[in-house]
N, C-alpha and C. Protein backbone atom coordinates (compact mmCIF):
# COMPACT_ATOMS: atom_id res chain seq x y z
N UNK A 1 42.21 -8.33 -222.12
CA UNK A 1 41.30 -9.16 -222.57
C UNK A 1 41.83 -10.33 -223.41
N UNK A 2 42.67 -10.59 -224.23
CA UNK A 2 43.18 -11.78 -224.65
C UNK A 2 43.72 -12.86 -223.82
N UNK A 3 44.17 -12.25 -222.56
CA UNK A 3 44.87 -12.97 -221.46
C UNK A 3 43.72 -14.02 -221.19
N UNK A 4 42.70 -13.22 -220.77
CA UNK A 4 41.39 -13.96 -220.17
C UNK A 4 40.95 -14.96 -221.00
N UNK A 5 40.98 -14.85 -222.24
CA UNK A 5 40.42 -15.76 -223.29
C UNK A 5 41.45 -16.99 -223.30
N UNK A 6 42.91 -16.62 -223.44
CA UNK A 6 43.80 -17.79 -223.32
C UNK A 6 43.46 -18.70 -221.95
N UNK A 7 43.53 -17.69 -220.83
CA UNK A 7 43.40 -18.27 -219.44
C UNK A 7 42.04 -19.27 -219.53
N UNK A 8 40.90 -18.99 -220.03
CA UNK A 8 39.99 -19.63 -220.22
C UNK A 8 40.12 -20.99 -220.92
N UNK A 9 40.58 -20.78 -221.85
CA UNK A 9 41.13 -21.97 -223.06
C UNK A 9 42.13 -23.09 -222.02
N UNK A 10 43.01 -22.49 -221.52
CA UNK A 10 43.79 -23.09 -220.78
C UNK A 10 43.01 -24.27 -219.57
N UNK A 11 42.14 -23.44 -218.87
CA UNK A 11 41.55 -24.14 -217.74
C UNK A 11 40.40 -25.07 -218.42
N UNK A 12 39.86 -24.67 -219.62
CA UNK A 12 38.98 -25.66 -220.34
C UNK A 12 39.72 -27.04 -220.67
N UNK A 13 40.86 -26.89 -221.32
CA UNK A 13 41.56 -27.83 -221.92
C UNK A 13 42.03 -28.73 -220.55
N UNK A 14 42.35 -28.28 -219.54
CA UNK A 14 42.82 -29.23 -218.03
C UNK A 14 41.51 -29.77 -217.81
N UNK A 15 40.31 -29.12 -217.80
CA UNK A 15 39.19 -29.65 -217.29
C UNK A 15 38.86 -30.84 -218.42
N UNK A 16 39.15 -30.88 -219.55
CA UNK A 16 38.82 -31.99 -220.38
C UNK A 16 39.51 -33.08 -220.02
N UNK A 17 40.98 -32.85 -219.96
CA UNK A 17 42.18 -33.69 -219.80
C UNK A 17 41.80 -34.63 -218.31
N UNK A 18 41.19 -33.89 -217.43
CA UNK A 18 41.03 -34.34 -215.98
C UNK A 18 39.60 -35.26 -216.22
N UNK A 19 38.58 -34.99 -217.17
CA UNK A 19 37.53 -35.84 -217.20
C UNK A 19 37.78 -37.15 -217.96
N UNK A 20 38.86 -36.74 -219.10
CA UNK A 20 39.05 -38.26 -219.81
C UNK A 20 39.82 -39.15 -218.84
N UNK A 21 40.93 -38.41 -218.02
CA UNK A 21 42.00 -39.28 -217.25
C UNK A 21 40.97 -40.37 -216.19
N UNK A 22 39.70 -39.45 -215.64
CA UNK A 22 38.72 -40.12 -214.84
C UNK A 22 38.18 -41.08 -215.54
N UNK A 23 37.68 -40.85 -216.63
CA UNK A 23 36.81 -41.89 -217.15
C UNK A 23 37.63 -43.06 -217.51
N UNK A 24 38.80 -43.13 -217.94
CA UNK A 24 39.79 -43.89 -218.46
C UNK A 24 39.92 -44.75 -217.27
N UNK A 25 40.20 -44.37 -216.03
CA UNK A 25 40.32 -44.86 -214.95
C UNK A 25 39.28 -45.83 -214.58
N UNK A 26 38.10 -45.19 -214.54
CA UNK A 26 36.96 -45.96 -214.31
C UNK A 26 36.59 -47.11 -215.27
N UNK A 27 37.11 -47.22 -216.39
CA UNK A 27 37.07 -48.11 -217.36
C UNK A 27 37.84 -49.29 -217.27
N UNK A 28 39.25 -49.01 -216.48
CA UNK A 28 40.14 -50.02 -216.54
C UNK A 28 39.64 -51.21 -215.26
N UNK A 29 39.65 -52.42 -215.80
CA UNK A 29 39.57 -53.55 -214.90
C UNK A 29 40.25 -54.61 -215.04
N UNK A 30 40.18 -55.57 -214.06
CA UNK A 30 41.25 -56.94 -214.31
C UNK A 30 40.52 -57.77 -215.21
N UNK A 31 41.35 -58.50 -216.17
CA UNK A 31 40.83 -59.48 -216.91
C UNK A 31 40.44 -60.48 -215.94
N UNK A 32 39.23 -61.31 -216.30
CA UNK A 32 38.77 -62.27 -215.68
C UNK A 32 39.00 -63.60 -216.72
N UNK A 33 39.58 -64.44 -216.08
CA UNK A 33 39.74 -65.77 -217.11
C UNK A 33 39.15 -66.93 -216.38
N UNK A 34 38.56 -67.95 -217.13
CA UNK A 34 38.19 -69.05 -216.83
C UNK A 34 38.64 -70.22 -217.51
N UNK A 35 38.12 -71.29 -217.44
CA UNK A 35 38.65 -72.64 -218.31
C UNK A 35 37.59 -73.56 -218.45
N UNK A 36 37.51 -74.30 -219.35
CA UNK A 36 36.58 -75.11 -219.69
C UNK A 36 36.68 -76.38 -218.57
N UNK A 37 35.53 -76.53 -218.07
CA UNK A 37 35.79 -77.49 -216.84
C UNK A 37 35.58 -79.11 -217.55
N UNK A 38 34.43 -79.02 -218.34
CA UNK A 38 34.05 -80.39 -218.93
C UNK A 38 35.16 -80.84 -219.83
N UNK A 39 34.95 -82.36 -220.27
CA UNK A 39 35.98 -82.94 -221.20
C UNK A 39 35.68 -82.01 -222.58
N UNK A 40 34.81 -81.35 -222.78
CA UNK A 40 34.43 -80.55 -223.96
C UNK A 40 33.28 -79.53 -223.79
N UNK A 41 33.25 -78.51 -224.21
CA UNK A 41 32.26 -77.47 -223.97
C UNK A 41 31.79 -76.93 -225.49
N UNK A 42 30.42 -76.77 -225.91
CA UNK A 42 30.04 -76.01 -226.95
C UNK A 42 30.06 -74.72 -226.93
N UNK A 43 30.63 -73.79 -227.96
CA UNK A 43 30.56 -72.41 -227.91
C UNK A 43 29.71 -72.10 -229.04
N UNK A 44 28.65 -71.37 -228.72
CA UNK A 44 27.87 -70.66 -229.55
C UNK A 44 28.00 -69.31 -230.09
N UNK A 45 27.04 -69.03 -230.95
CA UNK A 45 27.11 -67.57 -231.67
C UNK A 45 26.25 -66.91 -230.99
N UNK A 46 25.37 -67.08 -229.83
CA UNK A 46 24.64 -66.42 -229.10
C UNK A 46 24.20 -67.17 -227.78
N UNK A 47 23.56 -66.67 -226.90
CA UNK A 47 23.35 -67.24 -225.67
C UNK A 47 22.11 -67.86 -225.64
N UNK A 48 22.13 -69.19 -226.39
CA UNK A 48 20.89 -70.04 -226.44
C UNK A 48 21.37 -71.41 -226.85
N UNK A 49 20.82 -72.33 -226.28
CA UNK A 49 20.95 -73.87 -227.05
C UNK A 49 20.53 -73.95 -228.33
N UNK A 50 19.75 -72.93 -228.82
CA UNK A 50 19.33 -73.05 -230.13
C UNK A 50 19.89 -72.37 -231.23
N UNK A 51 20.94 -71.61 -230.60
CA UNK A 51 21.98 -70.73 -231.60
C UNK A 51 22.89 -71.82 -232.36
N UNK A 52 23.62 -71.08 -233.23
CA UNK A 52 24.52 -71.76 -234.07
C UNK A 52 25.69 -72.17 -233.24
N UNK A 53 26.18 -73.45 -233.37
CA UNK A 53 27.34 -73.99 -232.74
C UNK A 53 28.49 -73.63 -233.51
N UNK A 54 29.27 -73.00 -233.05
CA UNK A 54 30.65 -72.55 -233.80
C UNK A 54 31.80 -73.18 -233.55
N UNK A 55 32.06 -73.89 -232.15
CA UNK A 55 33.16 -74.43 -231.89
C UNK A 55 33.01 -75.40 -230.68
N UNK A 56 33.73 -76.51 -230.33
CA UNK A 56 33.79 -77.34 -229.45
C UNK A 56 35.15 -77.19 -228.69
N UNK A 57 35.26 -76.74 -227.67
CA UNK A 57 36.38 -76.26 -226.88
C UNK A 57 36.75 -77.48 -225.74
N UNK A 58 38.10 -77.89 -225.71
CA UNK A 58 38.70 -79.14 -224.92
C UNK A 58 38.88 -78.61 -223.64
N UNK A 59 38.86 -79.43 -222.68
CA UNK A 59 38.82 -79.21 -221.14
C UNK A 59 40.26 -78.34 -221.04
N UNK A 60 40.26 -77.50 -220.05
CA UNK A 60 41.45 -77.08 -219.72
C UNK A 60 41.36 -75.42 -220.49
N UNK A 61 40.56 -75.33 -221.54
CA UNK A 61 41.19 -74.25 -222.63
C UNK A 61 40.81 -73.05 -221.57
N UNK A 62 41.88 -71.83 -221.69
CA UNK A 62 41.50 -70.87 -220.95
C UNK A 62 40.56 -69.82 -221.94
N UNK A 63 39.89 -69.31 -221.22
CA UNK A 63 39.11 -68.34 -221.80
C UNK A 63 38.87 -66.94 -221.04
N UNK A 64 38.63 -66.07 -221.61
CA UNK A 64 38.42 -64.41 -221.05
C UNK A 64 36.91 -64.23 -221.07
N UNK A 65 36.58 -64.14 -219.89
CA UNK A 65 35.12 -63.58 -219.57
C UNK A 65 34.83 -62.17 -220.01
N UNK A 66 33.94 -61.78 -220.90
CA UNK A 66 33.72 -60.49 -221.43
C UNK A 66 32.46 -60.29 -220.91
N UNK A 67 31.06 -61.09 -220.78
CA UNK A 67 30.07 -60.67 -220.44
C UNK A 67 29.38 -61.76 -219.60
N UNK A 68 28.76 -61.71 -218.34
CA UNK A 68 28.09 -62.82 -217.77
C UNK A 68 26.73 -62.34 -217.96
N UNK A 69 25.86 -63.62 -218.24
CA UNK A 69 24.48 -63.14 -218.40
C UNK A 69 23.45 -64.48 -218.03
N UNK A 70 23.18 -64.57 -216.76
CA UNK A 70 22.25 -65.51 -216.25
C UNK A 70 23.11 -66.72 -216.22
N UNK A 71 22.67 -67.68 -217.13
CA UNK A 71 23.33 -69.33 -217.13
C UNK A 71 24.40 -69.02 -218.26
N UNK A 72 24.75 -68.02 -218.83
CA UNK A 72 25.73 -67.98 -219.94
C UNK A 72 26.97 -66.87 -219.82
N UNK A 73 28.05 -67.17 -220.38
CA UNK A 73 29.04 -66.23 -220.35
C UNK A 73 29.60 -66.14 -221.94
N UNK A 74 29.85 -64.74 -222.18
CA UNK A 74 30.36 -64.60 -223.42
C UNK A 74 31.66 -64.31 -223.25
N UNK A 75 32.88 -65.26 -224.07
CA UNK A 75 33.91 -65.33 -223.82
C UNK A 75 34.84 -65.03 -225.03
N UNK A 76 36.10 -64.76 -224.79
CA UNK A 76 37.13 -64.55 -225.81
C UNK A 76 38.32 -65.48 -225.66
N UNK A 77 38.62 -66.20 -226.92
CA UNK A 77 39.74 -67.09 -226.75
C UNK A 77 41.05 -66.69 -227.20
N UNK A 78 42.08 -67.28 -227.16
CA UNK A 78 43.67 -66.78 -227.60
C UNK A 78 43.35 -66.21 -228.91
N UNK A 79 42.88 -66.35 -229.83
CA UNK A 79 42.80 -65.89 -231.12
C UNK A 79 41.98 -64.60 -231.35
N UNK A 80 41.35 -64.21 -230.12
CA UNK A 80 40.40 -62.96 -230.14
C UNK A 80 38.95 -63.03 -230.66
N UNK A 81 38.59 -64.40 -230.89
CA UNK A 81 37.29 -64.78 -231.38
C UNK A 81 36.18 -64.90 -230.16
N UNK A 82 35.10 -64.38 -230.45
CA UNK A 82 34.13 -64.08 -229.36
C UNK A 82 33.06 -65.29 -229.43
N UNK A 83 32.75 -65.75 -228.45
CA UNK A 83 31.56 -66.68 -228.45
C UNK A 83 30.90 -66.81 -227.31
N UNK A 84 29.79 -67.50 -226.99
CA UNK A 84 29.19 -67.99 -225.67
C UNK A 84 28.95 -69.36 -225.56
N UNK A 85 29.14 -69.51 -224.05
CA UNK A 85 29.15 -70.71 -223.49
C UNK A 85 28.21 -70.68 -222.10
N UNK A 86 27.92 -72.09 -222.02
CA UNK A 86 27.03 -72.14 -220.83
C UNK A 86 27.91 -72.13 -219.68
N UNK A 87 27.68 -71.25 -218.62
CA UNK A 87 28.42 -71.46 -217.60
C UNK A 87 28.76 -72.27 -216.75
N UNK A 88 27.77 -73.39 -216.49
CA UNK A 88 28.26 -74.77 -215.81
C UNK A 88 29.26 -75.37 -216.47
N UNK A 89 29.70 -75.11 -217.64
CA UNK A 89 30.79 -75.56 -218.37
C UNK A 89 32.02 -75.33 -218.15
N UNK A 90 32.06 -74.18 -217.18
CA UNK A 90 33.35 -73.26 -216.95
C UNK A 90 33.95 -73.57 -215.53
N UNK A 91 34.97 -73.24 -215.13
CA UNK A 91 35.62 -73.29 -213.98
C UNK A 91 36.14 -72.27 -213.76
N UNK A 92 36.29 -71.95 -212.44
CA UNK A 92 37.48 -70.76 -212.21
C UNK A 92 38.84 -71.08 -212.10
N UNK A 93 39.13 -72.34 -212.22
CA UNK A 93 40.46 -72.85 -212.13
C UNK A 93 41.17 -72.39 -213.49
N UNK A 94 42.45 -71.62 -213.18
CA UNK A 94 42.90 -70.87 -214.20
C UNK A 94 44.09 -71.76 -215.00
N UNK A 95 43.86 -71.64 -216.25
CA UNK A 95 44.99 -72.35 -216.97
C UNK A 95 45.52 -71.30 -217.98
N UNK A 96 46.50 -71.40 -218.78
CA UNK A 96 47.16 -70.86 -219.71
C UNK A 96 47.51 -71.65 -220.79
N UNK A 97 47.52 -71.16 -222.24
CA UNK A 97 47.82 -72.02 -223.27
C UNK A 97 49.08 -71.51 -223.82
N UNK A 98 50.00 -72.40 -224.33
CA UNK A 98 51.27 -72.17 -225.08
C UNK A 98 50.67 -71.64 -226.37
N UNK A 99 51.01 -70.39 -226.58
CA UNK A 99 51.28 -69.89 -227.92
C UNK A 99 52.38 -69.97 -228.67
N UNK A 100 53.63 -70.19 -228.17
CA UNK A 100 54.65 -70.20 -228.78
C UNK A 100 55.16 -71.66 -229.44
N UNK A 101 55.90 -72.00 -230.30
CA UNK A 101 56.13 -73.06 -230.80
C UNK A 101 56.29 -74.45 -229.57
N UNK A 102 57.28 -73.80 -229.02
CA UNK A 102 57.76 -74.69 -227.86
C UNK A 102 58.11 -73.84 -226.49
N UNK A 103 57.64 -74.26 -225.34
CA UNK A 103 58.28 -73.49 -224.23
C UNK A 103 58.89 -74.35 -223.25
N UNK A 104 59.93 -73.64 -222.60
CA UNK A 104 60.54 -74.23 -221.44
C UNK A 104 60.01 -73.77 -220.16
N UNK A 105 59.70 -74.79 -219.55
CA UNK A 105 59.30 -74.76 -218.00
C UNK A 105 60.75 -74.62 -217.34
N UNK A 106 60.77 -73.70 -216.62
CA UNK A 106 62.31 -73.59 -216.09
C UNK A 106 61.95 -73.56 -214.41
N UNK A 107 62.97 -74.09 -213.70
CA UNK A 107 62.80 -73.98 -212.21
C UNK A 107 62.76 -72.79 -211.69
N UNK A 108 62.99 -71.69 -212.18
CA UNK A 108 63.16 -70.38 -211.60
C UNK A 108 62.77 -69.34 -212.54
N UNK A 109 62.29 -68.19 -212.36
CA UNK A 109 61.89 -67.18 -213.31
C UNK A 109 63.00 -66.62 -213.86
N UNK A 110 63.88 -67.18 -214.76
CA UNK A 110 65.16 -66.74 -214.94
C UNK A 110 65.58 -67.31 -216.54
N UNK A 111 65.93 -66.68 -217.40
CA UNK A 111 66.50 -67.50 -218.98
C UNK A 111 67.34 -68.55 -218.67
N UNK A 112 68.27 -68.30 -217.67
CA UNK A 112 69.31 -69.31 -217.63
C UNK A 112 69.03 -70.54 -216.64
N UNK A 113 67.79 -70.64 -215.84
CA UNK A 113 67.45 -71.43 -214.89
C UNK A 113 67.23 -72.74 -215.83
N UNK A 114 67.44 -73.99 -214.73
CA UNK A 114 67.36 -75.28 -215.27
C UNK A 114 65.90 -75.48 -216.00
N UNK A 115 65.90 -76.35 -217.24
CA UNK A 115 64.67 -76.67 -217.81
C UNK A 115 64.33 -77.95 -217.15
N UNK A 116 63.03 -77.73 -216.56
CA UNK A 116 62.14 -78.84 -216.15
C UNK A 116 61.43 -80.04 -216.86
N UNK A 117 61.01 -79.04 -218.02
CA UNK A 117 59.97 -79.51 -219.13
C UNK A 117 59.92 -78.67 -220.16
N UNK A 118 59.34 -79.54 -221.17
CA UNK A 118 58.85 -78.38 -222.09
C UNK A 118 57.40 -78.63 -222.62
N UNK A 119 56.88 -77.62 -223.10
CA UNK A 119 55.55 -77.98 -223.57
C UNK A 119 55.30 -77.16 -224.95
N UNK A 120 54.55 -78.12 -225.91
CA UNK A 120 54.30 -77.54 -227.39
C UNK A 120 53.02 -76.64 -227.34
N UNK A 121 53.11 -75.81 -228.60
CA UNK A 121 51.96 -75.06 -228.87
C UNK A 121 50.73 -75.58 -228.70
N UNK A 122 49.63 -74.85 -227.80
CA UNK A 122 48.02 -75.20 -227.82
C UNK A 122 48.11 -76.13 -226.44
N UNK A 123 49.12 -76.51 -225.89
CA UNK A 123 49.14 -77.52 -224.62
C UNK A 123 48.68 -76.36 -223.41
N UNK A 124 47.78 -76.88 -222.79
CA UNK A 124 47.18 -76.11 -221.44
C UNK A 124 48.13 -76.44 -220.21
N UNK A 125 48.60 -75.25 -219.48
CA UNK A 125 49.41 -75.34 -218.16
C UNK A 125 48.38 -74.74 -217.20
N UNK A 126 48.50 -75.33 -215.92
CA UNK A 126 47.69 -74.94 -214.90
C UNK A 126 48.44 -73.48 -214.37
N UNK A 127 47.86 -72.35 -214.44
CA UNK A 127 48.29 -71.08 -213.92
C UNK A 127 48.40 -71.23 -212.43
N UNK A 128 49.69 -71.04 -211.90
CA UNK A 128 49.59 -71.00 -210.28
C UNK A 128 49.91 -69.53 -209.63
N UNK A 129 50.58 -68.86 -210.40
CA UNK A 129 50.55 -67.22 -209.95
C UNK A 129 51.83 -66.41 -211.04
N UNK A 130 51.46 -65.16 -211.05
CA UNK A 130 52.06 -64.31 -211.86
C UNK A 130 53.30 -63.83 -211.08
N UNK A 131 54.46 -63.92 -211.48
CA UNK A 131 55.72 -63.56 -210.42
C UNK A 131 55.96 -62.04 -210.80
N UNK A 132 55.29 -61.60 -211.94
CA UNK A 132 55.81 -60.24 -212.34
C UNK A 132 56.83 -60.39 -213.07
N UNK A 133 57.43 -59.42 -213.59
CA UNK A 133 58.58 -59.18 -214.62
C UNK A 133 58.71 -60.09 -215.41
N UNK A 134 57.53 -60.69 -216.10
CA UNK A 134 57.24 -61.21 -217.33
C UNK A 134 57.49 -63.02 -217.14
N UNK A 135 57.40 -63.43 -216.19
CA UNK A 135 57.33 -64.90 -215.71
C UNK A 135 56.15 -65.19 -215.20
N UNK A 136 55.45 -66.41 -215.58
CA UNK A 136 54.30 -67.15 -214.71
C UNK A 136 54.55 -68.58 -213.93
N UNK A 137 54.41 -68.69 -213.08
CA UNK A 137 54.49 -70.03 -212.49
C UNK A 137 53.39 -71.04 -212.88
N UNK A 138 53.59 -72.13 -213.32
CA UNK A 138 52.85 -72.89 -214.04
C UNK A 138 52.91 -74.41 -213.48
N UNK A 139 51.90 -75.28 -213.78
CA UNK A 139 51.93 -76.88 -213.63
C UNK A 139 51.83 -77.39 -214.57
N UNK A 140 52.52 -78.46 -215.38
CA UNK A 140 52.56 -79.18 -216.39
C UNK A 140 51.64 -80.12 -215.97
N UNK A 141 50.69 -81.04 -216.91
CA UNK A 141 49.87 -82.02 -216.39
C UNK A 141 50.77 -83.34 -216.17
N UNK A 142 52.03 -83.35 -216.47
CA UNK A 142 52.91 -84.21 -216.01
C UNK A 142 53.34 -84.31 -214.40
N UNK A 143 53.11 -83.12 -213.97
CA UNK A 143 53.36 -82.50 -212.40
C UNK A 143 54.52 -81.73 -212.23
N UNK A 144 55.27 -81.32 -213.57
CA UNK A 144 56.46 -80.61 -213.32
C UNK A 144 55.80 -79.24 -212.82
N UNK A 145 56.61 -78.18 -211.89
CA UNK A 145 55.90 -77.03 -211.56
C UNK A 145 57.10 -76.03 -211.79
N UNK A 146 56.88 -74.99 -212.75
CA UNK A 146 58.22 -74.24 -212.98
C UNK A 146 57.46 -72.76 -213.59
N UNK A 147 58.49 -72.15 -214.07
CA UNK A 147 58.24 -70.75 -214.80
C UNK A 147 58.27 -71.07 -216.16
N UNK A 148 57.24 -70.03 -216.88
CA UNK A 148 57.42 -70.03 -218.19
C UNK A 148 57.26 -68.31 -218.65
N UNK A 149 57.77 -67.95 -219.60
CA UNK A 149 57.73 -66.46 -220.02
C UNK A 149 56.23 -66.12 -220.22
N UNK A 150 55.56 -65.18 -219.69
CA UNK A 150 54.28 -64.68 -220.14
C UNK A 150 53.99 -64.45 -221.52
N UNK A 151 55.20 -64.03 -222.42
CA UNK A 151 54.75 -63.49 -223.51
C UNK A 151 54.59 -64.83 -224.58
N UNK A 152 54.98 -66.21 -223.85
CA UNK A 152 54.95 -67.35 -224.74
C UNK A 152 53.57 -68.17 -224.40
N UNK A 153 52.63 -67.60 -223.48
CA UNK A 153 51.57 -68.20 -223.35
C UNK A 153 50.33 -67.15 -223.24
N UNK A 154 49.01 -67.77 -223.39
CA UNK A 154 47.94 -66.96 -223.20
C UNK A 154 47.00 -67.31 -222.23
N UNK A 155 46.54 -66.28 -221.52
CA UNK A 155 45.47 -66.41 -220.32
C UNK A 155 46.10 -66.08 -219.11
N UNK A 156 46.85 -65.19 -218.96
CA UNK A 156 47.30 -64.64 -217.91
C UNK A 156 46.94 -63.33 -217.72
């Protein structure tokens, strides 16, 4: 009798684990980033032009899309703050923002590669592709194309 109780408890635990794992996989999603397309975009605390204006975002600022609602998008910035912005003010063109004090844009995804340019904190760099292994291919506004460490930027 005791064996059956232990067996049922084991089956029950496996079933709970399987359901939890399945639910977690269903919730996983890719993060969608957009950028501010206009010279500036007003971020609001609610999806309405009558809502409180909380921030003016500059062109190319990368934002993570959290919720899409008709003509509005709820976004998260690099500091984790949430706000609403009009969808028309956004572009699907990807940018990252430098979070380190200064980053080196390198010719290849390697710490020892030639430095092509440097970018200071809060500078937006056009995201071209993720190379995996912790590097991102970017384009500086001056035209330099190279690689930065993904840990030194936000928006990838």
